[in-house]
């Protein structure tokens, strides 16, 4: 039987945590770099800017800054204010999860032709989501000479509620999209049918990816094995959600049929 709270286990878990974060940072940098052409096209006005892209850019860069901060926390050789750094990392990382859900919900609003009841429902859900996100910076760390920042406390109650809320939010959005798209696809051909098929497939892929990632994060927080294992899957959840959500936005923006403008 593993003693998850022993110092030896904490030391091993800390090594795994650092290596996992470095691996995810490398993965996200690769994803970030190969998609910079889209960002550049928007900034240089080669691609038309529309206001929903604000959430796309916020999603990408919030997670980037969070991962940079996390790497600094573990790789710096100079003493840091670990509490402040962890607060920033955790808040920006969980915000990326919230922004990923917003990116998907904006597609749903467009699919429903900006129906006011759908907008009111999703706005209410978003407000509830962010009320949890803004209270979620609860990871505390201290500077350990020769090691770097180490997690000493993590209040997982609100954080786990945030990830569970994200799963429910994504499920509602997926159901609303599927309910509207299924009858629309029947009888349509050509570009319209391809667009609707892409919207449904991308939404399903996003939901499955985000659901599994958020479920892992929430499960380990609820288990409360130790301070490190409670938050070990937070970064994977934010990374997976952000990568898939941003790819969904880019695919829709790059789609070139003569059909309805959805973004």
C-alpha atoms as a PDB file:
ATOM      1  CA  UNK A   1       0.000   0.000   0.000  1.00  0.00           C
ATOM      2  CA  UNK A   2       1.483   3.337  -1.073  1.00  0.00           C
ATOM      3  CA  UNK A   3       1.781   6.012   1.593  1.00  0.00           C
ATOM      4  CA  UNK A   4       0.917   8.968  -0.636  1.00  0.00           C
ATOM      5  CA  UNK A   5       1.699  11.538   2.059  1.00  0.00           C
ATOM      6  CA  UNK A   6       5.193  10.299   2.915  1.00  0.00           C
ATOM      7  CA  UNK A   7       8.144  12.542   2.102  1.00  0.00           C
ATOM      8  CA  UNK A   8       9.621   9.921  -0.234  1.00  0.00           C
ATOM      9  CA  UNK A   9       6.394   9.677  -2.231  1.00  0.00           C
ATOM     10  CA  UNK A  10       6.038  13.455  -2.355  1.00  0.00           C
ATOM     11  CA  UNK A  11       9.589  13.736  -3.715  1.00  0.00           C
ATOM     12  CA  UNK A  12       8.852  11.163  -6.455  1.00  0.00           C
ATOM     13  CA  UNK A  13       5.539  12.804  -7.329  1.00  0.00           C
ATOM     14  CA  UNK A  14       7.254  16.197  -7.544  1.00  0.00           C
ATOM     15  CA  UNK A  15       9.730  14.828 -10.117  1.00  0.00           C
ATOM     16  CA  UNK A  16       6.900  13.327 -12.185  1.00  0.00           C
ATOM     17  CA  UNK A  17       4.952  16.596 -11.926  1.00  0.00           C
ATOM     18  CA  UNK A  18       7.888  18.668 -13.180  1.00  0.00           C
ATOM     19  CA  UNK A  19       8.662  16.305 -16.078  1.00  0.00           C
ATOM     20  CA  UNK A  20       4.984  16.152 -17.080  1.00  0.00           C
ATOM     21  CA  UNK A  21       4.733  19.933 -17.121  1.00  0.00           C
ATOM     22  CA  UNK A  22       7.908  20.265 -19.195  1.00  0.00           C
ATOM     23  CA  UNK A  23       6.564  17.721 -21.691  1.00  0.00           C
ATOM     24  CA  UNK A  24       3.241  19.527 -21.965  1.00  0.00           C
ATOM     25  CA  UNK A  25       5.014  22.858 -22.316  1.00  0.00           C
ATOM     26  CA  UNK A  26       6.999  21.477 -25.251  1.00  0.00           C
ATOM     27  CA  UNK A  27       3.821  20.066 -26.813  1.00  0.00           C
ATOM     28  CA  UNK A  28       1.990  23.353 -26.437  1.00  0.00           C
ATOM     29  CA  UNK A  29       4.880  25.396 -27.838  1.00  0.00           C
ATOM     30  CA  UNK A  30       4.891  23.116 -30.891  1.00  0.00           C
ATOM     31  CA  UNK A  31       1.121  23.565 -31.297  1.00  0.00           C
ATOM     32  CA  UNK A  32       1.475  27.307 -30.751  1.00  0.00           C
ATOM     33  CA  UNK A  33       4.230  27.745 -33.334  1.00  0.00           C
ATOM     34  CA  UNK A  34       2.584  25.694 -36.112  1.00  0.00           C
ATOM     35  CA  UNK A  35      -0.584  27.792 -35.792  1.00  0.00           C
ATOM     36  CA  UNK A  36       1.044  31.217 -35.603  1.00  0.00           C
ATOM     37  CA  UNK A  37       0.247  31.804 -39.272  1.00  0.00           C
ATOM     38  CA  UNK A  38      -3.430  32.132 -38.328  1.00  0.00           C
ATOM     39  CA  UNK A  39      -2.662  34.708 -35.624  1.00  0.00           C
ATOM     40  CA  UNK A  40      -0.453  36.631 -38.030  1.00  0.00           C
ATOM     41  CA  UNK A  41      -3.124  36.602 -40.741  1.00  0.00           C
ATOM     42  CA  UNK A  42      -5.616  38.116 -38.299  1.00  0.00           C
ATOM     43  CA  UNK A  43      -3.149  40.722 -37.000  1.00  0.00           C
ATOM     44  CA  UNK A  44      -2.156  41.791 -40.521  1.00  0.00           C
ATOM     45  CA  UNK A  45      -5.834  41.839 -41.586  1.00  0.00           C
ATOM     46  CA  UNK A  46      -5.324  39.186 -44.240  1.00  0.00           C
ATOM     47  CA  UNK A  47      -8.071  37.364 -42.362  1.00  0.00           C
ATOM     48  CA  UNK A  48     -11.072  39.317 -41.166  1.00  0.00           C
ATOM     49  CA  UNK A  49     -11.164  39.948 -37.420  1.00  0.00           C
ATOM     50  CA  UNK A  50     -14.459  39.224 -35.688  1.00  0.00           C
ATOM     51  CA  UNK A  51     -15.096  39.839 -31.993  1.00  0.00           C
ATOM     52  CA  UNK A  52     -15.377  36.122 -30.993  1.00  0.00           C
ATOM     53  CA  UNK A  53     -11.682  35.815 -31.850  1.00  0.00           C
ATOM     54  CA  UNK A  54     -10.981  37.818 -28.688  1.00  0.00           C
ATOM     55  CA  UNK A  55     -11.759  34.665 -26.705  1.00  0.00           C
ATOM     56  CA  UNK A  56      -9.632  32.580 -29.070  1.00  0.00           C
ATOM     57  CA  UNK A  57      -6.560  34.756 -28.510  1.00  0.00           C
ATOM     58  CA  UNK A  58      -7.208  35.011 -24.761  1.00  0.00           C
ATOM     59  CA  UNK A  59      -7.466  31.214 -24.567  1.00  0.00           C
ATOM     60  CA  UNK A  60      -4.151  30.673 -26.389  1.00  0.00           C
ATOM     61  CA  UNK A  61      -2.136  33.289 -24.541  1.00  0.00           C
ATOM     62  CA  UNK A  62      -3.526  32.721 -21.048  1.00  0.00           C
ATOM     63  CA  UNK A  63      -2.387  29.115 -21.227  1.00  0.00           C
ATOM     64  CA  UNK A  64       0.974  30.101 -22.739  1.00  0.00           C
ATOM     65  CA  UNK A  65       1.668  32.539 -19.881  1.00  0.00           C
ATOM     66  CA  UNK A  66       0.519  29.971 -17.315  1.00  0.00           C
ATOM     67  CA  UNK A  67       2.899  27.332 -18.677  1.00  0.00           C
ATOM     68  CA  UNK A  68       5.785  29.791 -18.818  1.00  0.00           C
ATOM     69  CA  UNK A  69       5.105  30.717 -15.188  1.00  0.00           C
ATOM     70  CA  UNK A  70       4.983  27.061 -14.171  1.00  0.00           C
ATOM     71  CA  UNK A  71       8.321  26.397 -15.876  1.00  0.00           C
ATOM     72  CA  UNK A  72       9.863  29.400 -14.124  1.00  0.00           C
ATOM     73  CA  UNK A  73       8.606  28.091 -10.778  1.00  0.00           C
ATOM     74  CA  UNK A  74      10.493  24.811 -11.213  1.00  0.00           C
ATOM     75  CA  UNK A  75      13.531  25.906 -13.225  1.00  0.00           C
ATOM     76  CA  UNK A  76      14.536  29.181 -11.589  1.00  0.00           C
ATOM     77  CA  UNK A  77      17.739  29.207  -9.534  1.00  0.00           C
ATOM     78  CA  UNK A  78      16.904  32.530  -7.865  1.00  0.00           C
ATOM     79  CA  UNK A  79      14.455  32.858  -4.966  1.00  0.00           C
ATOM     80  CA  UNK A  80      10.915  33.631  -6.086  1.00  0.00           C
ATOM     81  CA  UNK A  81       7.640  34.661  -4.512  1.00  0.00           C
ATOM     82  CA  UNK A  82       6.172  31.205  -5.064  1.00  0.00           C
ATOM     83  CA  UNK A  83       2.762  32.030  -3.628  1.00  0.00           C
ATOM     84  CA  UNK A  84       2.216  34.901  -6.081  1.00  0.00           C
ATOM     85  CA  UNK A  85       3.609  32.889  -8.996  1.00  0.00           C
ATOM     86  CA  UNK A  86       1.414  29.878  -8.237  1.00  0.00           C
ATOM     87  CA  UNK A  87      -1.622  32.143  -7.894  1.00  0.00           C
ATOM     88  CA  UNK A  88      -0.959  33.555 -11.371  1.00  0.00           C
ATOM     89  CA  UNK A  89      -0.252  30.130 -12.882  1.00  0.00           C
ATOM     90  CA  UNK A  90      -3.337  28.501 -11.405  1.00  0.00           C
ATOM     91  CA  UNK A  91      -5.689  31.380 -12.201  1.00  0.00           C
ATOM     92  CA  UNK A  92      -4.525  31.755 -15.813  1.00  0.00           C
ATOM     93  CA  UNK A  93      -4.529  27.979 -16.325  1.00  0.00           C
ATOM     94  CA  UNK A  94      -8.083  27.494 -15.063  1.00  0.00           C
ATOM     95  CA  UNK A  95      -9.136  30.600 -17.020  1.00  0.00           C
ATOM     96  CA  UNK A  96      -7.903  28.815 -20.158  1.00  0.00           C
ATOM     97  CA  UNK A  97     -10.323  25.967 -19.378  1.00  0.00           C
ATOM     98  CA  UNK A  98     -13.153  28.504 -19.011  1.00  0.00           C
ATOM     99  CA  UNK A  99     -12.237  30.275 -22.246  1.00  0.00           C
ATOM    100  CA  UNK A 100     -12.167  26.956 -24.116  1.00  0.00           C
ATOM    101  CA  UNK A 101     -15.784  26.379 -23.052  1.00  0.00           C
ATOM    102  CA  UNK A 102     -16.700  29.913 -24.142  1.00  0.00           C
ATOM    103  CA  UNK A 103     -15.182  29.312 -27.584  1.00  0.00           C
ATOM    104  CA  UNK A 104     -17.417  26.276 -28.029  1.00  0.00           C
ATOM    105  CA  UNK A 105     -20.514  28.045 -26.666  1.00  0.00           C
ATOM    106  CA  UNK A 106     -20.079  30.902 -29.156  1.00  0.00           C
ATOM    107  CA  UNK A 107     -20.369  28.364 -31.980  1.00  0.00           C
ATOM    108  CA  UNK A 108     -23.597  27.128 -30.412  1.00  0.00           C
ATOM    109  CA  UNK A 109     -25.019  30.654 -30.261  1.00  0.00           C
ATOM    110  CA  UNK A 110     -24.271  31.043 -33.977  1.00  0.00           C
ATOM    111  CA  UNK A 111     -25.761  27.627 -34.803  1.00  0.00           C
ATOM    112  CA  UNK A 112     -28.973  28.707 -33.054  1.00  0.00           C
ATOM    113  CA  UNK A 113     -28.980  31.973 -35.075  1.00  0.00           C
ATOM    114  CA  UNK A 114     -28.421  34.079 -31.941  1.00  0.00           C
ATOM    115  CA  UNK A 115     -31.622  32.886 -30.276  1.00  0.00           C
ATOM    116  CA  UNK A 116     -32.082  35.113 -27.219  1.00  0.00           C
ATOM    117  CA  UNK A 117     -33.111  32.231 -24.930  1.00  0.00           C
ATOM    118  CA  UNK A 118     -30.014  30.243 -25.860  1.00  0.00           C
ATOM    119  CA  UNK A 119     -27.850  33.333 -25.295  1.00  0.00           C
ATOM    120  CA  UNK A 120     -29.439  33.953 -21.880  1.00  0.00           C
ATOM    121  CA  UNK A 121     -28.941  30.316 -20.878  1.00  0.00           C
ATOM    122  CA  UNK A 122     -25.289  30.219 -21.939  1.00  0.00           C
ATOM    123  CA  UNK A 123     -24.506  33.617 -20.390  1.00  0.00           C
ATOM    124  CA  UNK A 124     -25.940  32.409 -17.066  1.00  0.00           C
ATOM    125  CA  UNK A 125     -23.819  29.242 -17.265  1.00  0.00           C
ATOM    126  CA  UNK A 126     -20.692  31.258 -18.150  1.00  0.00           C
ATOM    127  CA  UNK A 127     -21.239  33.595 -15.190  1.00  0.00           C
ATOM    128  CA  UNK A 128     -21.531  30.606 -12.863  1.00  0.00           C
ATOM    129  CA  UNK A 129     -18.408  29.063 -14.388  1.00  0.00           C
ATOM    130  CA  UNK A 130     -16.308  32.167 -13.943  1.00  0.00           C
ATOM    131  CA  UNK A 131     -17.526  32.726 -10.395  1.00  0.00           C
ATOM    132  CA  UNK A 132     -15.759  29.441  -9.625  1.00  0.00           C
ATOM    133  CA  UNK A 133     -12.718  30.182 -11.803  1.00  0.00           C
ATOM    134  CA  UNK A 134     -12.027  33.517 -10.103  1.00  0.00           C
ATOM    135  CA  UNK A 135     -12.013  31.793  -6.713  1.00  0.00           C
ATOM    136  CA  UNK A 136      -9.850  28.933  -7.907  1.00  0.00           C
ATOM    137  CA  UNK A 137      -6.337  30.267  -7.252  1.00  0.00           C
ATOM    138  CA  UNK A 138      -5.878  28.172  -4.133  1.00  0.00           C
ATOM    139  CA  UNK A 139      -2.521  26.463  -4.644  1.00  0.00           C
ATOM    140  CA  UNK A 140       0.114  27.604  -2.145  1.00  0.00           C
ATOM    141  CA  UNK A 141       3.837  27.085  -2.548  1.00  0.00           C
ATOM    142  CA  UNK A 142       7.132  27.963  -0.855  1.00  0.00           C
ATOM    143  CA  UNK A 143      10.668  28.368  -2.129  1.00  0.00           C
ATOM    144  CA  UNK A 144      12.966  25.431  -1.331  1.00  0.00           C
ATOM    145  CA  UNK A 145      16.693  26.202  -1.905  1.00  0.00           C
ATOM    146  CA  UNK A 146      18.203  23.952  -4.549  1.00  0.00           C
ATOM    147  CA  UNK A 147      14.793  22.667  -5.596  1.00  0.00           C
ATOM    148  CA  UNK A 148      12.588  25.617  -6.539  1.00  0.00           C
ATOM    149  CA  UNK A 149       8.942  26.256  -5.769  1.00  0.00           C
ATOM    150  CA  UNK A 150       7.177  23.408  -4.018  1.00  0.00           C
ATOM    151  CA  UNK A 151       3.437  22.986  -3.484  1.00  0.00           C
ATOM    152  CA  UNK A 152       2.581  22.959   0.242  1.00  0.00           C
ATOM    153  CA  UNK A 153      -1.192  23.267   0.132  1.00  0.00           C
ATOM    154  CA  UNK A 154      -3.984  22.921  -2.413  1.00  0.00           C
ATOM    155  CA  UNK A 155      -7.628  23.501  -1.522  1.00  0.00           C
ATOM    156  CA  UNK A 156      -9.212  21.241  -4.089  1.00  0.00           C
ATOM    157  CA  UNK A 157     -12.887  21.821  -3.287  1.00  0.00           C
ATOM    158  CA  UNK A 158     -13.443  24.795  -5.577  1.00  0.00           C
ATOM    159  CA  UNK A 159     -10.954  23.556  -8.171  1.00  0.00           C
ATOM    160  CA  UNK A 160     -12.697  20.194  -8.488  1.00  0.00           C
ATOM    161  CA  UNK A 161     -16.065  21.971  -8.667  1.00  0.00           C
ATOM    162  CA  UNK A 162     -14.666  24.105 -11.492  1.00  0.00           C
ATOM    163  CA  UNK A 163     -13.627  21.100 -13.583  1.00  0.00           C
ATOM    164  CA  UNK A 164     -16.906  19.273 -12.917  1.00  0.00           C
ATOM    165  CA  UNK A 165     -18.785  22.422 -13.895  1.00  0.00           C
ATOM    166  CA  UNK A 166     -16.710  22.557 -17.106  1.00  0.00           C
ATOM    167  CA  UNK A 167     -17.751  19.004 -17.980  1.00  0.00           C
ATOM    168  CA  UNK A 168     -21.424  19.805 -17.426  1.00  0.00           C
ATOM    169  CA  UNK A 169     -21.094  23.054 -19.395  1.00  0.00           C
ATOM    170  CA  UNK A 170     -19.486  21.307 -22.353  1.00  0.00           C
ATOM    171  CA  UNK A 171     -22.137  18.571 -22.243  1.00  0.00           C
ATOM    172  CA  UNK A 172     -24.970  21.126 -22.391  1.00  0.00           C
ATOM    173  CA  UNK A 173     -23.304  22.963 -25.271  1.00  0.00           C
ATOM    174  CA  UNK A 174     -22.732  19.713 -27.151  1.00  0.00           C
ATOM    175  CA  UNK A 175     -26.361  18.651 -26.716  1.00  0.00           C
ATOM    176  CA  UNK A 176     -27.665  22.034 -27.870  1.00  0.00           C
ATOM    177  CA  UNK A 177     -25.437  21.934 -30.958  1.00  0.00           C
ATOM    178  CA  UNK A 178     -26.332  18.347 -31.836  1.00  0.00           C
ATOM    179  CA  UNK A 179     -30.061  19.018 -31.377  1.00  0.00           C
ATOM    180  CA  UNK A 180     -29.902  21.899 -33.852  1.00  0.00           C
ATOM    181  CA  UNK A 181     -27.445  20.430 -36.352  1.00  0.00           C
ATOM    182  CA  UNK A 182     -28.998  16.961 -36.765  1.00  0.00           C
ATOM    183  CA  UNK A 183     -32.197  18.133 -38.534  1.00  0.00           C
ATOM    184  CA  UNK A 184     -30.312  20.858 -40.433  1.00  0.00           C
ATOM    185  CA  UNK A 185     -28.044  18.298 -42.077  1.00  0.00           C
ATOM    186  CA  UNK A 186     -30.926  16.296 -43.553  1.00  0.00           C
ATOM    187  CA  UNK A 187     -31.702  17.415 -47.077  1.00  0.00           C
ATOM    188  CA  UNK A 188     -28.598  19.601 -47.400  1.00  0.00           C
ATOM    189  CA  UNK A 189     -25.880  18.969 -49.932  1.00  0.00           C
ATOM    190  CA  UNK A 190     -22.530  20.401 -50.978  1.00  0.00           C
ATOM    191  CA  UNK A 191     -20.813  23.087 -48.904  1.00  0.00           C
ATOM    192  CA  UNK A 192     -23.702  23.480 -46.447  1.00  0.00           C
ATOM    193  CA  UNK A 193     -23.675  19.774 -45.623  1.00  0.00           C
ATOM    194  CA  UNK A 194     -19.864  19.781 -45.275  1.00  0.00           C
ATOM    195  CA  UNK A 195     -19.993  22.775 -42.935  1.00  0.00           C
ATOM    196  CA  UNK A 196     -22.650  21.237 -40.708  1.00  0.00           C
ATOM    197  CA  UNK A 197     -20.777  17.920 -40.669  1.00  0.00           C
ATOM    198  CA  UNK A 198     -17.579  19.703 -39.667  1.00  0.00           C
ATOM    199  CA  UNK A 199     -19.350  21.633 -36.900  1.00  0.00           C
ATOM    200  CA  UNK A 200     -20.830  18.451 -35.457  1.00  0.00           C
ATOM    201  CA  UNK A 201     -17.634  16.382 -35.730  1.00  0.00           C
ATOM    202  CA  UNK A 202     -15.405  19.124 -34.286  1.00  0.00           C
ATOM    203  CA  UNK A 203     -17.840  19.718 -31.431  1.00  0.00           C
ATOM    204  CA  UNK A 204     -17.936  16.003 -30.619  1.00  0.00           C
ATOM    205  CA  UNK A 205     -14.130  15.685 -30.695  1.00  0.00           C
ATOM    206  CA  UNK A 206     -13.775  18.735 -28.446  1.00  0.00           C
ATOM    207  CA  UNK A 207     -16.356  17.416 -25.980  1.00  0.00           C
ATOM    208  CA  UNK A 208     -14.780  13.960 -25.690  1.00  0.00           C
ATOM    209  CA  UNK A 209     -11.246  15.359 -25.311  1.00  0.00           C
ATOM    210  CA  UNK A 210     -12.199  18.042 -22.784  1.00  0.00           C
ATOM    211  CA  UNK A 211     -14.499  15.700 -20.844  1.00  0.00           C
ATOM    212  CA  UNK A 212     -11.816  13.029 -20.370  1.00  0.00           C
ATOM    213  CA  UNK A 213      -9.142  15.589 -19.447  1.00  0.00           C
ATOM    214  CA  UNK A 214     -11.402  17.423 -16.976  1.00  0.00           C
ATOM    215  CA  UNK A 215     -12.624  14.124 -15.509  1.00  0.00           C
ATOM    216  CA  UNK A 216      -9.039  13.060 -14.740  1.00  0.00           C
ATOM    217  CA  UNK A 217      -8.293  16.416 -13.108  1.00  0.00           C
ATOM    218  CA  UNK A 218     -11.472  16.374 -11.016  1.00  0.00           C
ATOM    219  CA  UNK A 219     -11.011  12.721  -9.979  1.00  0.00           C
ATOM    220  CA  UNK A 220      -7.480  13.214  -8.639  1.00  0.00           C
ATOM    221  CA  UNK A 221      -8.534  16.360  -6.801  1.00  0.00           C
ATOM    222  CA  UNK A 222     -11.397  14.516  -5.111  1.00  0.00           C
ATOM    223  CA  UNK A 223      -9.106  11.594  -4.170  1.00  0.00           C
ATOM    224  CA  UNK A 224      -6.798  14.006  -2.274  1.00  0.00           C
ATOM    225  CA  UNK A 225      -3.863  11.592  -2.330  1.00  0.00           C
ATOM    226  CA  UNK A 226      -1.417  14.404  -1.566  1.00  0.00           C
ATOM    227  CA  UNK A 227      -0.851  18.057  -2.462  1.00  0.00           C
ATOM    228  CA  UNK A 228       0.953  17.252  -5.726  1.00  0.00           C
ATOM    229  CA  UNK A 229      -1.262  14.441  -6.993  1.00  0.00           C
ATOM    230  CA  UNK A 230      -4.337  16.601  -6.334  1.00  0.00           C
ATOM    231  CA  UNK A 231      -3.276  19.080  -9.025  1.00  0.00           C
ATOM    232  CA  UNK A 232      -1.123  16.922 -11.300  1.00  0.00           C
ATOM    233  CA  UNK A 233      -3.753  16.720 -14.057  1.00  0.00           C
ATOM    234  CA  UNK A 234      -4.767  20.402 -14.004  1.00  0.00           C
ATOM    235  CA  UNK A 235      -2.247  21.380 -16.664  1.00  0.00           C
ATOM    236  CA  UNK A 236      -3.064  18.409 -18.952  1.00  0.00           C
ATOM    237  CA  UNK A 237      -6.767  19.333 -18.718  1.00  0.00           C
ATOM    238  CA  UNK A 238      -6.125  22.977 -19.604  1.00  0.00           C
ATOM    239  CA  UNK A 239      -3.710  22.028 -22.396  1.00  0.00           C
ATOM    240  CA  UNK A 240      -6.024  19.478 -24.023  1.00  0.00           C
ATOM    241  CA  UNK A 241      -9.069  21.776 -23.823  1.00  0.00           C
ATOM    242  CA  UNK A 242      -7.196  24.758 -25.221  1.00  0.00           C
ATOM    243  CA  UNK A 243      -5.535  22.926 -28.110  1.00  0.00           C
ATOM    244  CA  UNK A 244      -8.779  21.349 -29.289  1.00  0.00           C
ATOM    245  CA  UNK A 245     -10.898  24.496 -28.750  1.00  0.00           C
ATOM    246  CA  UNK A 246      -8.457  26.692 -30.678  1.00  0.00           C
ATOM    247  CA  UNK A 247      -8.217  24.170 -33.506  1.00  0.00           C
ATOM    248  CA  UNK A 248     -12.015  24.163 -33.721  1.00  0.00           C
ATOM    249  CA  UNK A 249     -12.052  27.965 -34.027  1.00  0.00           C
ATOM    250  CA  UNK A 250      -9.351  27.981 -36.711  1.00  0.00           C
ATOM    251  CA  UNK A 251     -11.025  25.242 -38.756  1.00  0.00           C
ATOM    252  CA  UNK A 252     -14.284  27.168 -38.810  1.00  0.00           C
ATOM    253  CA  UNK A 253     -12.566  30.471 -39.649  1.00  0.00           C
ATOM    254  CA  UNK A 254     -10.639  28.796 -42.488  1.00  0.00           C
ATOM    255  CA  UNK A 255     -13.725  27.080 -43.937  1.00  0.00           C
ATOM    256  CA  UNK A 256     -14.562  28.694 -47.276  1.00  0.00           C
ATOM    257  CA  UNK A 257     -18.057  27.736 -48.446  1.00  0.00           C
ATOM    258  CA  UNK A 258     -20.648  30.175 -49.702  1.00  0.00           C
ATOM    259  CA  UNK A 259     -22.869  29.217 -46.782  1.00  0.00           C
ATOM    260  CA  UNK A 260     -23.861  31.106 -43.632  1.00  0.00           C
ATOM    261  CA  UNK A 261     -21.312  33.150 -41.719  1.00  0.00           C
ATOM    262  CA  UNK A 262     -20.951  31.524 -38.319  1.00  0.00           C
ATOM    263  CA  UNK A 263     -17.947  33.343 -36.889  1.00  0.00           C
END
